[in-house]
Structures are given as C-alpha cells and as structure tokens.
C-alpha atoms as a PDB file:
ATOM      1  CA  UNK A   1      28.800 -55.600 -86.063  1.00  0.00           C
ATOM      2  CA  UNK A   2      26.432 -54.630 -83.636  1.00  0.00           C
ATOM      3  CA  UNK A   3      28.586 -56.367 -80.767  1.00  0.00           C
ATOM      4  CA  UNK A   4      31.743 -54.654 -82.146  1.00  0.00           C
ATOM      5  CA  UNK A   5      29.617 -51.351 -82.068  1.00  0.00           C
ATOM      6  CA  UNK A   6      28.505 -51.885 -78.733  1.00  0.00           C
ATOM      7  CA  UNK A   7      32.170 -52.619 -77.529  1.00  0.00           C
ATOM      8  CA  UNK A   8      33.275 -49.114 -79.205  1.00  0.00           C
ATOM      9  CA  UNK A   9      30.752 -47.431 -77.327  1.00  0.00           C
ATOM     10  CA  UNK A  10      31.993 -49.097 -74.160  1.00  0.00           C
ATOM     11  CA  UNK A  11      35.334 -48.343 -74.234  1.00  0.00           C
ATOM     12  CA  UNK A  12      34.132 -44.874 -75.370  1.00  0.00           C
ATOM     13  CA  UNK A  13      32.437 -44.223 -71.923  1.00  0.00           C
ATOM     14  CA  UNK A  14      35.058 -45.654 -69.905  1.00  0.00           C
ATOM     15  CA  UNK A  15      37.062 -43.260 -71.148  1.00  0.00           C
ATOM     16  CA  UNK A  16      34.756 -40.429 -70.241  1.00  0.00           C
ATOM     17  CA  UNK A  17      33.418 -39.649 -73.887  1.00  0.00           C
ATOM     18  CA  UNK A  18      30.056 -39.998 -73.029  1.00  0.00           C
ATOM     19  CA  UNK A  19      27.679 -40.169 -75.668  1.00  0.00           C
ATOM     20  CA  UNK A  20      29.830 -39.186 -79.067  1.00  0.00           C
ATOM     21  CA  UNK A  21      28.582 -36.120 -80.621  1.00  0.00           C
ATOM     22  CA  UNK A  22      27.445 -34.461 -77.201  1.00  0.00           C
ATOM     23  CA  UNK A  23      30.116 -32.172 -76.568  1.00  0.00           C
ATOM     24  CA  UNK A  24      32.557 -33.480 -79.128  1.00  0.00           C
ATOM     25  CA  UNK A  25      32.958 -32.891 -82.174  1.00  0.00           C
ATOM     26  CA  UNK A  26      36.103 -34.590 -83.041  1.00  0.00           C
ATOM     27  CA  UNK A  27      38.060 -37.526 -82.044  1.00  0.00           C
ATOM     28  CA  UNK A  28      42.021 -37.031 -81.313  1.00  0.00           C
ATOM     29  CA  UNK A  29      44.456 -39.810 -81.484  1.00  0.00           C
ATOM     30  CA  UNK A  30      47.056 -39.548 -79.308  1.00  0.00           C
ATOM     31  CA  UNK A  31      48.947 -42.837 -79.485  1.00  0.00           C
ATOM     32  CA  UNK A  32      51.240 -44.052 -76.655  1.00  0.00           C
ATOM     33  CA  UNK A  33      54.960 -44.546 -76.468  1.00  0.00           C
ATOM     34  CA  UNK A  34      55.487 -47.688 -77.570  1.00  0.00           C
ATOM     35  CA  UNK A  35      52.251 -46.797 -80.449  1.00  0.00           C
ATOM     36  CA  UNK A  36      51.066 -49.576 -79.771  1.00  0.00           C
ATOM     37  CA  UNK A  37      47.301 -48.759 -78.145  1.00  0.00           C
ATOM     38  CA  UNK A  38      46.015 -45.189 -79.027  1.00  0.00           C
ATOM     39  CA  UNK A  39      44.071 -42.824 -76.659  1.00  0.00           C
ATOM     40  CA  UNK A  40      40.866 -41.762 -77.714  1.00  0.00           C
ATOM     41  CA  UNK A  41      40.382 -38.087 -76.627  1.00  0.00           C
ATOM     42  CA  UNK A  42      37.801 -35.813 -77.229  1.00  0.00           C
ATOM     43  CA  UNK A  43      37.938 -32.468 -78.825  1.00  0.00           C
ATOM     44  CA  UNK A  44      35.603 -29.963 -77.622  1.00  0.00           C
ATOM     45  CA  UNK A  45      34.442 -26.589 -79.438  1.00  0.00           C
ATOM     46  CA  UNK A  46      37.228 -24.423 -77.097  1.00  0.00           C
ATOM     47  CA  UNK A  47      40.074 -26.713 -77.611  1.00  0.00           C
ATOM     48  CA  UNK A  48      38.735 -27.184 -81.757  1.00  0.00           C
ATOM     49  CA  UNK A  49      39.865 -23.906 -81.900  1.00  0.00           C
ATOM     50  CA  UNK A  50      43.217 -23.737 -80.631  1.00  0.00           C
ATOM     51  CA  UNK A  51      44.016 -26.687 -82.421  1.00  0.00           C
ATOM     52  CA  UNK A  52      42.371 -25.799 -85.805  1.00  0.00           C
ATOM     53  CA  UNK A  53      45.934 -25.332 -87.750  1.00  0.00           C
ATOM     54  CA  UNK A  54      45.540 -22.256 -89.945  1.00  0.00           C
ATOM     55  CA  UNK A  55      45.815 -22.974 -93.964  1.00  0.00           C
ATOM     56  CA  UNK A  56      49.926 -22.210 -94.181  1.00  0.00           C
ATOM     57  CA  UNK A  57      50.054 -22.139 -98.220  1.00  0.00           C
ATOM     58  CA  UNK A  58      52.506 -25.285 -98.317  1.00  0.00           C
ATOM     59  CA  UNK A  59      51.787 -28.104-101.159  1.00  0.00           C
ATOM     60  CA  UNK A  60      49.302 -31.075-100.038  1.00  0.00           C
ATOM     61  CA  UNK A  61      51.244 -33.978 -98.983  1.00  0.00           C
ATOM     62  CA  UNK A  62      51.514 -36.230-101.492  1.00  0.00           C
ATOM     63  CA  UNK A  63      49.544 -39.840 -99.933  1.00  0.00           C
ATOM     64  CA  UNK A  64      51.788 -42.316 -98.989  1.00  0.00           C
ATOM     65  CA  UNK A  65      51.610 -46.162 -97.924  1.00  0.00           C
ATOM     66  CA  UNK A  66      48.266 -46.605 -98.932  1.00  0.00           C
ATOM     67  CA  UNK A  67      47.545 -50.253 -99.319  1.00  0.00           C
ATOM     68  CA  UNK A  68      44.145 -49.939-101.676  1.00  0.00           C
ATOM     69  CA  UNK A  69      42.747 -47.443-103.446  1.00  0.00           C
ATOM     70  CA  UNK A  70      38.798 -48.321-103.550  1.00  0.00           C
ATOM     71  CA  UNK A  71      36.795 -46.128-106.359  1.00  0.00           C
ATOM     72  CA  UNK A  72      39.877 -45.227-108.239  1.00  0.00           C
ATOM     73  CA  UNK A  73      42.348 -46.297-109.903  1.00  0.00           C
ATOM     74  CA  UNK A  74      45.782 -45.306-107.314  1.00  0.00           C
ATOM     75  CA  UNK A  75      46.127 -41.261-107.088  1.00  0.00           C
ATOM     76  CA  UNK A  76      48.742 -38.366-106.519  1.00  0.00           C
ATOM     77  CA  UNK A  77      48.692 -35.426-105.631  1.00  0.00           C
ATOM     78  CA  UNK A  78      50.464 -34.494-109.485  1.00  0.00           C
ATOM     79  CA  UNK A  79      47.325 -36.347-110.718  1.00  0.00           C
ATOM     80  CA  UNK A  80      45.051 -33.060-108.657  1.00  0.00           C
ATOM     81  CA  UNK A  81      46.571 -30.450-109.842  1.00  0.00           C
ATOM     82  CA  UNK A  82      44.827 -27.400-111.557  1.00  0.00           C
ATOM     83  CA  UNK A  83      41.433 -29.023-109.603  1.00  0.00           C
ATOM     84  CA  UNK A  84      40.394 -27.812-106.240  1.00  0.00           C
ATOM     85  CA  UNK A  85      40.767 -30.201-103.561  1.00  0.00           C
ATOM     86  CA  UNK A  86      39.407 -31.848-100.496  1.00  0.00           C
ATOM     87  CA  UNK A  87      40.945 -33.834 -98.384  1.00  0.00           C
ATOM     88  CA  UNK A  88      38.880 -36.092 -95.952  1.00  0.00           C
ATOM     89  CA  UNK A  89      40.537 -37.656 -92.926  1.00  0.00           C
ATOM     90  CA  UNK A  90      37.639 -40.411 -91.550  1.00  0.00           C
ATOM     91  CA  UNK A  91      37.039 -43.531 -90.380  1.00  0.00           C
ATOM     92  CA  UNK A  92      33.758 -45.224 -90.903  1.00  0.00           C
ATOM     93  CA  UNK A  93      32.828 -46.353 -87.289  1.00  0.00           C
ATOM     94  CA  UNK A  94      33.393 -42.221 -86.357  1.00  0.00           C
ATOM     95  CA  UNK A  95      29.944 -40.796 -85.357  1.00  0.00           C
ATOM     96  CA  UNK A  96      31.287 -37.628 -85.797  1.00  0.00           C
ATOM     97  CA  UNK A  97      32.578 -38.865 -89.484  1.00  0.00           C
ATOM     98  CA  UNK A  98      29.508 -40.251 -90.373  1.00  0.00           C
ATOM     99  CA  UNK A  99      27.650 -36.579 -89.407  1.00  0.00           C
ATOM    100  CA  UNK A 100      29.835 -35.337 -91.682  1.00  0.00           C
ATOM    101  CA  UNK A 101      29.791 -37.485 -94.528  1.00  0.00           C
ATOM    102  CA  UNK A 102      26.295 -36.177 -96.099  1.00  0.00           C
ATOM    103  CA  UNK A 103      28.225 -32.690 -96.748  1.00  0.00           C
ATOM    104  CA  UNK A 104      31.452 -33.919 -97.865  1.00  0.00           C
ATOM    105  CA  UNK A 105      29.178 -36.815-100.857  1.00  0.00           C
ATOM    106  CA  UNK A 106      26.789 -33.701-101.274  1.00  0.00           C
ATOM    107  CA  UNK A 107      30.025 -31.511-102.260  1.00  0.00           C
ATOM    108  CA  UNK A 108      31.380 -33.791-104.430  1.00  0.00           C
ATOM    109  CA  UNK A 109      28.058 -34.274-106.546  1.00  0.00           C
ATOM    110  CA  UNK A 110      27.379 -30.195-106.537  1.00  0.00           C
ATOM    111  CA  UNK A 111      31.472 -29.273-107.753  1.00  0.00           C
ATOM    112  CA  UNK A 112      33.062 -31.566-109.106  1.00  0.00           C
ATOM    113  CA  UNK A 113      32.163 -30.598-112.758  1.00  0.00           C
ATOM    114  CA  UNK A 114      33.221 -27.576-111.728  1.00  0.00           C
ATOM    115  CA  UNK A 115      36.912 -29.011-110.671  1.00  0.00           C
ATOM    116  CA  UNK A 116      36.454 -30.048-107.189  1.00  0.00           C
ATOM    117  CA  UNK A 117      38.537 -33.337-106.312  1.00  0.00           C
ATOM    118  CA  UNK A 118      37.117 -35.151-102.761  1.00  0.00           C
ATOM    119  CA  UNK A 119      39.508 -37.494-101.404  1.00  0.00           C
ATOM    120  CA  UNK A 120      38.263 -39.519 -98.586  1.00  0.00           C
ATOM    121  CA  UNK A 121      41.625 -40.906 -96.622  1.00  0.00           C
ATOM    122  CA  UNK A 122      40.231 -43.751 -94.817  1.00  0.00           C
ATOM    123  CA  UNK A 123      42.668 -44.425 -91.464  1.00  0.00           C
ATOM    124  CA  UNK A 124      41.107 -47.460 -89.188  1.00  0.00           C
ATOM    125  CA  UNK A 125      40.625 -46.514 -85.287  1.00  0.00           C
ATOM    126  CA  UNK A 126      39.849 -49.965 -84.512  1.00  0.00           C
ATOM    127  CA  UNK A 127      41.017 -53.511 -85.855  1.00  0.00           C
ATOM    128  CA  UNK A 128      37.598 -53.741 -87.625  1.00  0.00           C
ATOM    129  CA  UNK A 129      38.062 -50.943 -89.065  1.00  0.00           C
ATOM    130  CA  UNK A 130      41.230 -52.161 -91.411  1.00  0.00           C
ATOM    131  CA  UNK A 131      39.366 -54.440 -93.376  1.00  0.00           C
ATOM    132  CA  UNK A 132      38.800 -53.046 -97.110  1.00  0.00           C
ATOM    133  CA  UNK A 133      35.316 -55.809 -96.944  1.00  0.00           C
ATOM    134  CA  UNK A 134      34.209 -53.477 -93.925  1.00  0.00           C
ATOM    135  CA  UNK A 135      35.513 -50.098 -95.369  1.00  0.00           C
ATOM    136  CA  UNK A 136      33.382 -51.413 -98.816  1.00  0.00           C
ATOM    137  CA  UNK A 137      29.972 -51.416 -96.565  1.00  0.00           C
ATOM    138  CA  UNK A 138      30.435 -48.185 -95.069  1.00  0.00           C
ATOM    139  CA  UNK A 139      31.093 -46.468 -98.701  1.00  0.00           C
ATOM    140  CA  UNK A 140      27.865 -48.241-100.023  1.00  0.00           C
ATOM    141  CA  UNK A 141      25.972 -46.832 -97.024  1.00  0.00           C
ATOM    142  CA  UNK A 142      26.875 -43.464 -97.427  1.00  0.00           C
ATOM    143  CA  UNK A 143      26.893 -43.846-101.038  1.00  0.00           C
ATOM    144  CA  UNK A 144      30.816 -42.439-101.664  1.00  0.00           C
ATOM    145  CA  UNK A 145      31.708 -42.453-105.049  1.00  0.00           C
ATOM    146  CA  UNK A 146      34.606 -40.019-104.506  1.00  0.00           C
ATOM    147  CA  UNK A 147      38.358 -41.702-104.008  1.00  0.00           C
ATOM    148  CA  UNK A 148      38.753 -44.233-100.875  1.00  0.00           C
ATOM    149  CA  UNK A 149      42.913 -44.448-100.511  1.00  0.00           C
ATOM    150  CA  UNK A 150      43.057 -46.888 -97.124  1.00  0.00           C
ATOM    151  CA  UNK A 151      46.128 -45.979 -95.065  1.00  0.00           C
ATOM    152  CA  UNK A 152      46.066 -48.848 -92.213  1.00  0.00           C
ATOM    153  CA  UNK A 153      49.770 -48.245 -91.837  1.00  0.00           C
ATOM    154  CA  UNK A 154      48.849 -44.093 -90.690  1.00  0.00           C
ATOM    155  CA  UNK A 155      51.449 -43.138 -93.583  1.00  0.00           C
ATOM    156  CA  UNK A 156      49.639 -40.842 -95.166  1.00  0.00           C
ATOM    157  CA  UNK A 157      47.410 -39.558 -91.905  1.00  0.00           C
ATOM    158  CA  UNK A 158      51.524 -38.833 -90.575  1.00  0.00           C
ATOM    159  CA  UNK A 159      52.171 -36.926 -93.617  1.00  0.00           C
ATOM    160  CA  UNK A 160      49.497 -34.332 -93.027  1.00  0.00           C
ATOM    161  CA  UNK A 161      50.636 -33.840 -88.804  1.00  0.00           C
ATOM    162  CA  UNK A 162      46.734 -34.973 -88.343  1.00  0.00           C
ATOM    163  CA  UNK A 163      45.368 -36.063 -85.113  1.00  0.00           C
ATOM    164  CA  UNK A 164      41.669 -36.116 -85.577  1.00  0.00           C
ATOM    165  CA  UNK A 165      38.318 -37.659 -87.273  1.00  0.00           C
ATOM    166  CA  UNK A 166      37.063 -35.734 -89.190  1.00  0.00           C
ATOM    167  CA  UNK A 167      39.372 -33.352 -90.677  1.00  0.00           C
ATOM    168  CA  UNK A 168      39.267 -32.135 -93.811  1.00  0.00           C
ATOM    169  CA  UNK A 169      41.924 -29.974 -95.560  1.00  0.00           C
ATOM    170  CA  UNK A 170      40.985 -27.344 -99.038  1.00  0.00           C
ATOM    171  CA  UNK A 171      43.799 -27.203-101.285  1.00  0.00           C
ATOM    172  CA  UNK A 172      43.638 -24.827-104.389  1.00  0.00           C
ATOM    173  CA  UNK A 173      44.276 -25.683-108.239  1.00  0.00           C
ATOM    174  CA  UNK A 174      47.819 -24.777-107.495  1.00  0.00           C
ATOM    175  CA  UNK A 175      47.794 -27.948-104.941  1.00  0.00           C
ATOM    176  CA  UNK A 176      48.332 -25.115-101.654  1.00  0.00           C
ATOM    177  CA  UNK A 177      46.913 -25.803 -98.433  1.00  0.00           C
ATOM    178  CA  UNK A 178      44.857 -22.782 -98.037  1.00  0.00           C
ATOM    179  CA  UNK A 179      41.922 -24.153 -95.165  1.00  0.00           C
ATOM    180  CA  UNK A 180      41.523 -26.804 -92.977  1.00  0.00           C
ATOM    181  CA  UNK A 181      38.543 -27.816 -90.333  1.00  0.00           C
ATOM    182  CA  UNK A 182      39.195 -30.262 -87.464  1.00  0.00           C
ATOM    183  CA  UNK A 183      35.051 -32.407 -86.547  1.00  0.00           C
ATOM    184  CA  UNK A 184      31.748 -31.287 -87.276  1.00  0.00           C
ATOM    185  CA  UNK A 185      30.085 -27.737 -87.752  1.00  0.00           C
ATOM    186  CA  UNK A 186      31.611 -25.158 -90.224  1.00  0.00           C
ATOM    187  CA  UNK A 187      30.223 -26.569 -93.052  1.00  0.00           C
ATOM    188  CA  UNK A 188      28.890 -23.365 -94.422  1.00  0.00           C
ATOM    189  CA  UNK A 189      31.905 -21.585 -94.242  1.00  0.00           C
ATOM    190  CA  UNK A 190      33.628 -25.053 -95.792  1.00  0.00           C
ATOM    191  CA  UNK A 191      31.330 -24.804 -99.059  1.00  0.00           C
ATOM    192  CA  UNK A 192      32.212 -20.857 -99.096  1.00  0.00           C
ATOM    193  CA  UNK A 193      35.965 -21.873 -99.328  1.00  0.00           C
ATOM    194  CA  UNK A 194      35.211 -24.816-101.968  1.00  0.00           C
ATOM    195  CA  UNK A 195      33.378 -21.892-104.524  1.00  0.00           C
ATOM    196  CA  UNK A 196      35.707 -19.386-103.765  1.00  0.00           C
ATOM    197  CA  UNK A 197      38.806 -21.752-104.945  1.00  0.00           C
ATOM    198  CA  UNK A 198      36.868 -23.309-107.454  1.00  0.00           C
ATOM    199  CA  UNK A 199      36.685 -20.031-108.909  1.00  0.00           C
ATOM    200  CA  UNK A 200      40.381 -19.272-108.487  1.00  0.00           C
ATOM    201  CA  UNK A 201      42.834 -19.924-111.143  1.00  0.00           C
ATOM    202  CA  UNK A 202      45.644 -22.724-111.501  1.00  0.00           C
ATOM    203  CA  UNK A 203      48.039 -19.903-112.817  1.00  0.00           C
END
C-alpha cells in the first residue's frame, strides 16, 4: 500500500500538482477522448469559485450503476424523502477527501437524529480504489458509519454531472437540491445550510 501511495504522489507531481492541498482544494477528473486514462487537474480557490454550480432546486438524481452498498442495504433517493440529504462524492486515497471526512462524519453523528441522511458515494480515481476491501479499510479508519455506495463505473458520478473530489450536495426534505460545494473548506457555511434545511418541513 505504501508503494501505491508513493506512485500516486509521483503521478501528482508529474502532473504539476505538487503536494496536494498546497493551493489545491479539489481534484477534477477530465477524461481523455477515449475515456481510458483520466487526467487529474488541480482546482484552485479562484477556479473553484467559478466552477461551483449554484443550487438549482432540481430533484436529486437517483443512484445509478452501484456495484455494492457498504454500511447499508441498497437505497434510492425516494427512500430518503422527508430527510435533509447530504451527498458526498469521495475516494479514499484523495487527500482533499480525507481532510473533509472528519466534518462529514461529525455532521452525521450530530444531525442524524434530526433528520440528516448522509450518503458517501465512493467513485475511484485509481484501480486500487475499486477494491471493496480497500474501501472497507478506509471506512473503518475514518469511522464512517453512513451508507457508502460503490460507484466503480462512474454512473452516479455522471448522473450528477460531477467532475470533482470531494464534492458535497445538499438537498431539502422534498429531495430538491439546494446547495453544493467543491473541495475543502466552507465547513461553517455548509453546516449552517444543514441546520437551515433541517428546520424546514417536507411540505
């Protein structure tokens, strides 16, 4: 595993990312034309501000092409209606995702009883991140107890028109998207939005 992480670091350095997290708060996946070999690009704070999609008020897309559900039986968006929903796109070897996880896991512990449902969609960047046993180790390491669907084929990623790790989406109790955030940071703002959505009714 140590060798794999060193290879990842070498790849990131080769792509000009330097040490991830120093001036980069998210990673963007940009497929080549044949979609065989992704190019990972850094997203700086200024680019992040331009790239962040304003909440549309559209219904959350359903989960698609999930190979396996960890920590949960299979779920659909319909199963989550009546709750505020936090959708988190992540992959376990992404340092930016790792830095976000303590906040997401805390929000789950703190607000689940009030009606917050957290779904951590694991979409891999590299081949070793596709292995469910590696994902389970990461879940245990980071004390993740909310549902983690394994999106190895990128079908749910594409349904959300996502391009970034990490990326958070928040929906209200009606299932309508109200907020999203790309990358690290804005934790106070995100938590305030969670609190706002939890106070709203489902009607």
